[in-house]
N, C-alpha and C. Protein backbone atom coordinates (compact mmCIF):
# COMPACT_ATOMS: atom_id res chain seq x y z
N UNK A 1 102.54 101.62 133.73
CA UNK A 1 103.00 102.25 132.87
C UNK A 1 102.49 103.61 132.90
N UNK A 2 103.53 104.76 133.15
CA UNK A 2 103.06 105.86 132.78
C UNK A 2 102.07 106.44 131.48
N UNK A 3 102.47 105.61 130.51
CA UNK A 3 101.76 105.60 129.06
C UNK A 3 100.32 105.70 129.53
N UNK A 4 99.59 104.70 130.40
CA UNK A 4 98.41 104.42 130.48
C UNK A 4 97.76 105.61 131.49
N UNK A 5 98.62 106.63 131.83
CA UNK A 5 97.99 107.50 132.65
C UNK A 5 97.77 108.86 131.58
N UNK A 6 98.54 108.82 130.73
CA UNK A 6 98.72 109.87 129.55
C UNK A 6 97.65 109.56 128.35
N UNK A 7 97.86 108.27 127.79
CA UNK A 7 97.17 108.11 126.52
C UNK A 7 95.80 108.15 126.39
N UNK A 8 94.95 108.78 125.64
CA UNK A 8 93.77 108.94 125.57
C UNK A 8 92.96 108.29 124.42
N UNK A 9 91.71 107.85 124.51
CA UNK A 9 91.03 107.08 123.17
C UNK A 9 89.75 107.58 123.49
N UNK A 10 88.98 107.44 122.24
CA UNK A 10 87.46 107.68 122.36
C UNK A 10 87.27 109.33 122.41
N UNK A 11 87.97 109.86 121.20
CA UNK A 11 87.96 111.46 121.27
C UNK A 11 88.51 112.04 122.66
N UNK A 12 89.32 111.35 123.37
CA UNK A 12 89.94 111.79 124.41
C UNK A 12 89.13 111.86 125.66
N UNK A 13 88.13 110.78 125.69
CA UNK A 13 87.25 110.78 126.69
C UNK A 13 87.41 109.57 127.72
N UNK A 14 88.36 108.66 127.17
CA UNK A 14 88.53 107.50 127.88
C UNK A 14 90.27 107.31 128.16
N UNK A 15 90.53 106.76 129.23
CA UNK A 15 92.07 106.32 129.04
C UNK A 15 92.22 105.13 128.18
N UNK A 16 93.47 105.11 127.49
CA UNK A 16 93.90 103.88 126.84
C UNK A 16 94.27 102.63 127.90
N UNK A 17 93.58 101.66 127.84
CA UNK A 17 93.67 100.58 128.76
C UNK A 17 94.67 99.14 128.16
N UNK A 18 94.90 98.43 128.93
CA UNK A 18 95.80 97.24 128.36
C UNK A 18 94.88 96.48 127.28
N UNK A 19 93.47 96.28 127.46
CA UNK A 19 92.58 95.79 126.53
C UNK A 19 92.91 96.36 125.22
N UNK A 20 92.60 97.76 124.89
CA UNK A 20 92.95 98.54 123.83
C UNK A 20 94.35 98.21 123.10
N UNK A 21 95.43 98.11 124.04
CA UNK A 21 96.62 97.74 123.52
C UNK A 21 96.52 96.18 122.86
N UNK A 22 96.00 95.31 123.56
CA UNK A 22 95.92 94.13 123.00
C UNK A 22 95.20 93.77 121.71
N UNK A 23 94.00 94.75 121.39
CA UNK A 23 93.27 94.69 120.47
C UNK A 23 94.21 95.34 119.02
N UNK A 24 94.86 96.49 119.43
CA UNK A 24 95.58 96.85 118.50
C UNK A 24 96.65 96.08 118.00
N UNK A 25 97.43 95.13 119.06
CA UNK A 25 98.36 94.34 118.73
C UNK A 25 97.97 93.00 117.88
N UNK A 26 96.42 92.74 117.98
CA UNK A 26 96.14 91.72 117.24
C UNK A 26 95.79 92.19 115.80
N UNK A 27 95.45 93.22 115.79
CA UNK A 27 94.96 93.88 114.28
C UNK A 27 96.34 94.04 113.77
N UNK A 28 97.46 94.50 114.39
CA UNK A 28 98.56 95.03 113.56
C UNK A 28 99.29 93.48 113.14
N UNK A 29 99.26 92.62 114.12
CA UNK A 29 100.03 91.28 113.84
C UNK A 29 99.10 90.70 112.38
N UNK A 30 97.87 90.75 112.59
CA UNK A 30 97.05 90.36 111.58
C UNK A 30 97.47 90.98 110.01
N UNK A 31 97.51 92.24 110.06
CA UNK A 31 98.07 93.11 109.07
C UNK A 31 99.41 92.50 108.50
N UNK A 32 100.34 92.51 109.27
CA UNK A 32 101.68 92.11 109.00
C UNK A 32 101.46 90.88 108.40
N UNK A 33 100.94 90.03 108.89
CA UNK A 33 100.63 88.47 108.34
C UNK A 33 100.40 88.67 106.80
N UNK A 34 99.19 89.22 106.68
CA UNK A 34 98.54 89.62 105.42
C UNK A 34 99.46 90.32 104.50
N UNK A 35 100.18 91.18 105.03
CA UNK A 35 101.40 91.83 104.03
C UNK A 35 102.36 90.84 103.73
N UNK A 36 102.68 89.74 104.52
CA UNK A 36 103.91 88.61 104.13
C UNK A 36 103.15 87.61 103.23
N UNK A 37 101.85 87.57 102.94
CA UNK A 37 101.19 86.71 102.20
C UNK A 37 101.35 87.36 100.82
N UNK A 38 101.40 88.45 100.54
CA UNK A 38 101.01 89.18 99.41
C UNK A 38 102.42 88.98 98.41
N UNK A 39 102.05 88.76 97.14
CA UNK A 39 103.35 88.57 96.29
C UNK A 39 104.03 90.09 96.22
N UNK A 40 105.43 89.79 95.84
CA UNK A 40 106.34 90.98 95.92
C UNK A 40 107.60 90.56 94.94
N UNK A 41 107.97 91.80 94.58
CA UNK A 41 109.47 91.47 93.68
C UNK A 41 110.59 91.84 94.36
N UNK A 42 110.60 92.22 95.50
CA UNK A 42 111.80 92.58 96.04
C UNK A 42 111.74 92.24 97.71
N UNK A 43 112.59 92.91 98.33
CA UNK A 43 112.80 92.66 99.82
C UNK A 43 111.63 93.44 100.47
N UNK A 44 111.28 92.70 101.73
CA UNK A 44 110.12 93.41 102.53
C UNK A 44 110.77 93.72 103.73
N UNK A 45 110.62 95.04 104.34
CA UNK A 45 110.98 95.71 105.44
C UNK A 45 109.98 95.86 106.16
N UNK A 46 109.82 95.53 107.37
CA UNK A 46 108.84 95.99 108.46
C UNK A 46 109.15 97.03 109.64
N UNK A 47 108.82 97.86 109.55
CA UNK A 47 109.09 98.99 110.85
C UNK A 47 108.03 99.38 112.04
N UNK A 48 108.27 98.72 113.02
CA UNK A 48 107.49 98.70 114.33
C UNK A 48 108.05 99.49 115.50
N UNK A 49 107.37 100.00 116.13
CA UNK A 49 107.69 100.76 117.34
C UNK A 49 108.13 99.72 118.28
N UNK A 50 107.30 98.67 118.83
CA UNK A 50 107.61 97.64 119.65
C UNK A 50 108.52 96.81 119.04
N UNK A 51 109.18 95.76 119.95
CA UNK A 51 110.29 94.84 119.59
C UNK A 51 109.53 93.72 119.26
N UNK A 52 109.49 93.07 118.15
CA UNK A 52 109.01 91.78 117.65
C UNK A 52 109.36 90.56 118.36
N UNK A 53 110.32 90.71 119.27
CA UNK A 53 111.03 89.65 119.66
C UNK A 53 111.13 89.71 121.38
N UNK A 54 111.27 88.71 121.97
CA UNK A 54 111.46 88.75 123.35
C UNK A 54 112.95 89.24 123.65
N UNK A 55 113.05 89.77 124.86
CA UNK A 55 114.45 90.11 125.07
C UNK A 55 115.61 89.18 125.14
N UNK A 56 116.77 89.64 125.04
CA UNK A 56 117.98 88.53 125.27
C UNK A 56 117.81 87.68 126.25
N UNK A 57 117.77 86.46 126.13
CA UNK A 57 117.98 85.65 127.36
C UNK A 57 116.41 85.41 128.23
N UNK A 58 115.41 86.07 127.50
CA UNK A 58 114.14 86.12 128.28
C UNK A 58 113.07 85.74 127.45
N UNK A 59 112.32 84.69 127.68
CA UNK A 59 111.37 84.35 126.62
C UNK A 59 109.99 84.56 127.34
N UNK A 60 109.22 85.39 126.42
CA UNK A 60 107.88 85.52 126.99
C UNK A 60 107.21 84.41 127.14
N UNK A 61 106.71 84.08 128.51
CA UNK A 61 106.05 82.78 128.77
C UNK A 61 104.48 82.80 128.64
N UNK A 62 103.87 81.81 128.14
CA UNK A 62 102.34 81.93 128.03
C UNK A 62 101.88 82.34 129.44
N UNK A 63 100.60 82.86 129.38
CA UNK A 63 100.06 83.30 130.72
C UNK A 63 98.86 82.39 130.64
N UNK A 64 98.46 81.80 131.97
CA UNK A 64 97.61 80.96 132.09
C UNK A 64 96.53 81.48 133.19
N UNK A 65 95.23 81.64 132.87
CA UNK A 65 94.33 82.41 133.56
C UNK A 65 94.45 81.86 135.04
N UNK A 66 94.27 82.87 136.11
CA UNK A 66 94.37 82.67 137.35
C UNK A 66 95.85 82.54 137.84
N UNK A 67 97.09 82.63 137.03
CA UNK A 67 98.22 82.68 137.33
C UNK A 67 98.70 84.11 137.48
N UNK A 68 99.73 84.69 138.19
CA UNK A 68 100.14 86.04 138.32
C UNK A 68 101.24 86.15 137.43
N UNK A 69 101.56 86.94 136.55
CA UNK A 69 102.95 87.37 135.69
C UNK A 69 103.65 88.15 136.59
N UNK A 70 104.99 87.59 136.67
CA UNK A 70 106.09 88.30 137.43
C UNK A 70 106.10 89.83 136.87
N UNK A 71 106.68 90.76 137.61
CA UNK A 71 106.56 92.24 137.49
C UNK A 71 107.48 92.43 136.05
N UNK A 72 108.47 91.60 136.01
CA UNK A 72 109.23 91.52 134.81
C UNK A 72 108.51 91.28 133.21
N UNK A 73 107.80 90.12 133.41
CA UNK A 73 106.95 89.74 132.46
C UNK A 73 105.84 90.87 132.03
N UNK A 74 105.27 91.41 133.21
CA UNK A 74 104.52 92.52 132.66
C UNK A 74 105.11 93.62 132.19
N UNK A 75 106.16 94.10 132.60
CA UNK A 75 106.74 95.27 132.11
C UNK A 75 107.64 94.92 130.54
N UNK A 76 107.87 93.76 130.45
CA UNK A 76 108.67 93.39 129.07
C UNK A 76 107.53 93.17 128.14
N UNK A 77 106.17 92.87 128.40
CA UNK A 77 104.98 93.06 127.38
C UNK A 77 104.86 94.38 126.96
N UNK A 78 105.34 95.41 127.86
CA UNK A 78 105.03 96.74 127.23
C UNK A 78 105.73 97.22 126.35
N UNK A 79 106.85 96.41 126.07
CA UNK A 79 107.89 96.97 125.08
C UNK A 79 108.32 95.97 124.13
N UNK A 80 107.78 94.58 124.46
CA UNK A 80 108.10 93.57 123.55
C UNK A 80 106.99 92.46 123.24
N UNK A 81 107.09 91.89 122.08
CA UNK A 81 106.03 90.90 121.76
C UNK A 81 106.76 89.65 121.30
N UNK A 82 106.35 88.57 121.09
CA UNK A 82 106.76 87.41 120.60
C UNK A 82 106.21 87.17 119.33
N UNK A 83 106.62 87.78 117.99
CA UNK A 83 106.08 87.60 116.99
C UNK A 83 107.13 86.97 116.02
N UNK A 84 107.97 86.02 116.61
CA UNK A 84 108.73 85.23 115.83
C UNK A 84 108.40 84.30 115.19
N UNK A 85 107.01 83.76 115.42
CA UNK A 85 106.29 82.96 114.24
C UNK A 85 106.27 83.47 112.80
N UNK A 86 106.10 84.84 112.73
CA UNK A 86 106.05 85.55 111.30
C UNK A 86 107.41 85.88 110.84
N UNK A 87 108.36 85.17 111.33
CA UNK A 87 109.71 85.24 110.85
C UNK A 87 109.99 84.15 110.29
N UNK A 88 109.46 83.14 110.04
CA UNK A 88 109.52 81.91 109.25
C UNK A 88 108.35 81.71 108.38
N UNK A 89 108.76 80.95 107.28
CA UNK A 89 107.66 80.54 106.14
C UNK A 89 106.65 79.74 106.51
N UNK A 90 105.52 79.52 106.18
CA UNK A 90 104.66 78.83 106.46
C UNK A 90 103.06 79.21 106.00
N UNK A 91 102.24 77.88 106.23
CA UNK A 91 100.83 78.30 105.38
C UNK A 91 100.10 79.28 106.54
N UNK A 92 99.11 79.81 105.84
CA UNK A 92 98.14 80.79 106.90
C UNK A 92 96.95 80.51 106.74
N UNK A 93 96.10 80.27 107.91
CA UNK A 93 94.66 80.48 107.66
C UNK A 93 94.41 79.22 106.67
N UNK A 94 93.76 79.53 105.92
CA UNK A 94 92.99 78.47 104.97
C UNK A 94 93.99 77.35 104.25
N UNK A 95 95.26 77.84 104.47
CA UNK A 95 96.52 76.70 103.97
C UNK A 95 96.91 77.05 102.59
N UNK A 96 95.95 77.77 101.85
CA UNK A 96 96.13 78.36 100.49
C UNK A 96 97.08 79.50 100.64
N UNK A 97 97.19 80.54 101.46
CA UNK A 97 98.30 81.60 101.46
C UNK A 97 99.68 81.11 102.24
N UNK A 98 100.59 81.72 101.64
CA UNK A 98 101.75 81.26 102.28
C UNK A 98 102.44 82.43 102.96
N UNK A 99 103.02 82.58 104.17
CA UNK A 99 103.61 83.67 104.73
C UNK A 99 105.05 83.77 104.12
N UNK A 100 105.38 84.59 103.47
CA UNK A 100 107.00 84.77 103.08
C UNK A 100 107.53 85.79 104.18
N UNK A 101 108.18 85.56 105.14
CA UNK A 101 108.65 86.59 106.20
C UNK A 101 109.42 87.72 105.55
N UNK A 102 109.44 88.97 106.60
CA UNK A 102 110.16 90.19 105.99
C UNK A 102 111.64 89.89 106.20
N UNK A 103 112.32 90.47 105.14
CA UNK A 103 113.76 90.32 105.02
C UNK A 103 114.34 91.03 106.09
N UNK A 104 113.81 92.20 106.79
CA UNK A 104 114.48 92.93 107.57
C UNK A 104 113.32 93.58 108.56
N UNK A 105 113.43 93.70 109.95
CA UNK A 105 112.54 94.04 110.85
C UNK A 105 113.21 95.07 111.59
N UNK A 106 112.72 96.36 111.68
CA UNK A 106 113.34 97.46 112.32
C UNK A 106 112.50 97.79 113.51
N UNK A 107 113.00 98.06 114.68
CA UNK A 107 111.98 98.49 115.91
C UNK A 107 112.84 99.23 116.82
N UNK A 108 112.18 100.25 117.53
CA UNK A 108 112.67 100.88 118.64
C UNK A 108 112.21 100.58 119.94
N UNK A 109 111.89 101.68 120.50
CA UNK A 109 111.29 101.60 121.88
C UNK A 109 112.10 101.15 123.07
N UNK A 110 112.95 100.14 122.92
CA UNK A 110 113.69 99.59 123.97
C UNK A 110 114.68 100.35 124.53
N UNK A 111 115.26 101.33 123.71
CA UNK A 111 116.46 102.24 123.99
C UNK A 111 117.92 101.14 123.91
N UNK A 112 117.80 99.80 123.53
CA UNK A 112 118.86 98.90 123.17
C UNK A 112 119.25 98.87 121.74
N UNK A 113 120.24 98.43 121.59
CA UNK A 113 120.75 98.12 120.10
C UNK A 113 120.95 96.51 120.11
N UNK A 114 120.28 95.90 119.03
CA UNK A 114 119.96 94.72 118.67
C UNK A 114 120.19 94.57 117.24
N UNK A 115 120.80 93.35 116.82
CA UNK A 115 120.79 92.81 115.27
C UNK A 115 121.08 91.34 115.58
N UNK A 116 120.09 90.57 115.29
CA UNK A 116 120.01 89.22 115.26
C UNK A 116 119.14 88.66 114.01
N UNK A 117 119.31 87.41 113.70
CA UNK A 117 118.49 86.85 112.74
C UNK A 117 117.60 85.67 113.37
N UNK A 118 116.43 85.63 113.25
CA UNK A 118 115.63 84.66 113.58
C UNK A 118 114.68 84.24 112.20
N UNK A 119 114.98 82.85 112.16
CA UNK A 119 114.26 82.30 110.84
C UNK A 119 114.75 83.10 109.70
N UNK A 120 114.04 83.69 108.76
CA UNK A 120 114.67 84.49 107.70
C UNK A 120 114.74 85.89 107.70
N UNK A 121 114.46 86.54 109.06
CA UNK A 121 114.21 87.64 109.07
C UNK A 121 115.59 88.32 110.05
N UNK A 122 116.16 89.31 109.57
CA UNK A 122 116.92 90.28 110.15
C UNK A 122 116.28 91.29 111.09
N UNK A 123 116.66 91.29 112.36
CA UNK A 123 116.06 92.25 113.50
C UNK A 123 116.85 92.94 113.73
N UNK A 124 116.63 94.48 113.71
CA UNK A 124 117.72 95.58 114.19
C UNK A 124 116.89 96.77 114.74
N UNK A 125 117.49 97.23 116.00
CA UNK A 125 117.24 98.16 116.83
C UNK A 125 118.66 98.89 116.87
N UNK A 126 118.34 100.29 116.62
CA UNK A 126 119.44 101.23 117.06
C UNK A 126 119.04 102.38 117.52
N UNK A 127 118.32 102.17 118.60
CA UNK A 127 117.42 103.35 119.29
C UNK A 127 118.59 104.12 120.12
N UNK A 128 118.50 105.46 120.10
CA UNK A 128 119.53 106.10 121.07
C UNK A 128 119.10 106.47 122.25
N UNK A 129 117.62 106.29 122.75
CA UNK A 129 117.12 106.42 123.85
C UNK A 129 116.93 107.83 124.35
N UNK A 130 116.85 108.15 125.53
CA UNK A 130 116.73 109.59 125.99
C UNK A 130 118.18 110.37 126.11
N UNK A 131 118.14 111.65 126.09
CA UNK A 131 119.34 112.27 126.45
C UNK A 131 119.82 113.19 125.28
N UNK A 132 120.83 113.53 125.27
CA UNK A 132 122.06 113.69 126.29
C UNK A 132 121.18 114.72 127.44
N UNK A 133 121.44 114.44 128.87
CA UNK A 133 121.02 115.23 129.65
C UNK A 133 122.41 116.13 130.26
N UNK A 134 122.46 117.33 129.54
CA UNK A 134 123.61 118.18 129.86
C UNK A 134 123.46 118.99 131.28
N UNK A 135 124.14 119.19 132.11
CA UNK A 135 125.59 119.29 131.98
C UNK A 135 126.36 117.86 132.32
N UNK A 136 125.37 117.06 133.16
CA UNK A 136 125.94 115.67 133.83
C UNK A 136 126.24 114.91 132.89
N UNK A 137 125.35 114.31 131.85
CA UNK A 137 125.51 113.10 131.23
C UNK A 137 125.80 113.91 129.59
N UNK A 138 126.65 113.45 128.96
CA UNK A 138 126.95 113.69 127.45
C UNK A 138 126.53 113.07 126.45
N UNK A 139 126.16 111.77 126.91
CA UNK A 139 125.93 110.74 125.80
C UNK A 139 124.33 110.43 125.82
N UNK A 140 124.02 109.50 125.04
CA UNK A 140 122.59 109.03 124.86
C UNK A 140 122.49 107.89 125.85
N UNK A 141 121.02 107.63 126.15
CA UNK A 141 120.72 106.45 127.15
C UNK A 141 121.38 105.15 126.70
N UNK A 142 121.65 104.83 125.36
CA UNK A 142 122.13 103.71 124.91
C UNK A 142 123.58 103.99 124.21
N UNK A 143 124.55 103.59 125.18
CA UNK A 143 125.92 103.73 124.55
C UNK A 143 126.47 103.21 123.48
N UNK A 144 125.52 102.11 122.96
CA UNK A 144 125.75 101.44 121.64
C UNK A 144 125.24 102.07 120.29
N UNK A 145 124.16 103.26 120.65
CA UNK A 145 123.81 103.73 119.61
C UNK A 145 124.63 104.17 118.39
N UNK A 146 124.48 103.92 117.09
CA UNK A 146 125.43 104.23 116.15
C UNK A 146 124.60 105.31 115.33
N UNK A 147 125.03 106.37 115.07
CA UNK A 147 124.35 107.29 114.60
C UNK A 147 124.69 107.03 112.80
N UNK A 148 125.93 106.43 112.57
CA UNK A 148 126.10 106.31 111.33
C UNK A 148 125.45 105.01 110.76
N UNK A 149 124.89 104.21 111.38
CA UNK A 149 124.50 103.01 110.80
C UNK A 149 123.72 102.97 109.72
N UNK A 150 123.97 102.19 108.90
CA UNK A 150 123.45 101.83 107.47
C UNK A 150 123.40 100.52 107.21
N UNK A 151 121.98 100.20 106.73
CA UNK A 151 121.65 98.76 106.37
C UNK A 151 121.28 98.51 104.95
N UNK A 152 122.07 97.77 104.03
CA UNK A 152 121.80 97.75 102.68
C UNK A 152 120.71 96.48 102.55
N UNK A 153 119.88 96.44 101.91
CA UNK A 153 118.93 95.16 101.61
C UNK A 153 119.06 95.13 100.07
């Protein structure tokens, strides 16, 4: 991905590497799960940049050491994660904490529109994508982008 050529870390001394992305993913997932274990008096809305679900018709397969991921699998991981476990209630860690999934999870990054429910969580993306690139194209990357979308919770 071009991102890895541009993004820097350690006070701009190092390139951002896939290991950095994995570490941040694990930290963020743990943070989200911890928030889902806290008492709350109303709906919980999660907003993330990356998609928390595999793409339509595509399941992120487990990677086994020594096996090569397909190009599609590698690229998909740059845009999507499989956090569907967080969309179902369940015990966490010591068994005393109980995860209560988010009511709504909003994401972008994929330049696609999605509106699905997994477990107890509605997952929505209304990303417009790039553009418009005048004069040739008058619309956005995502022809399904709805600038008037309103979600009530």
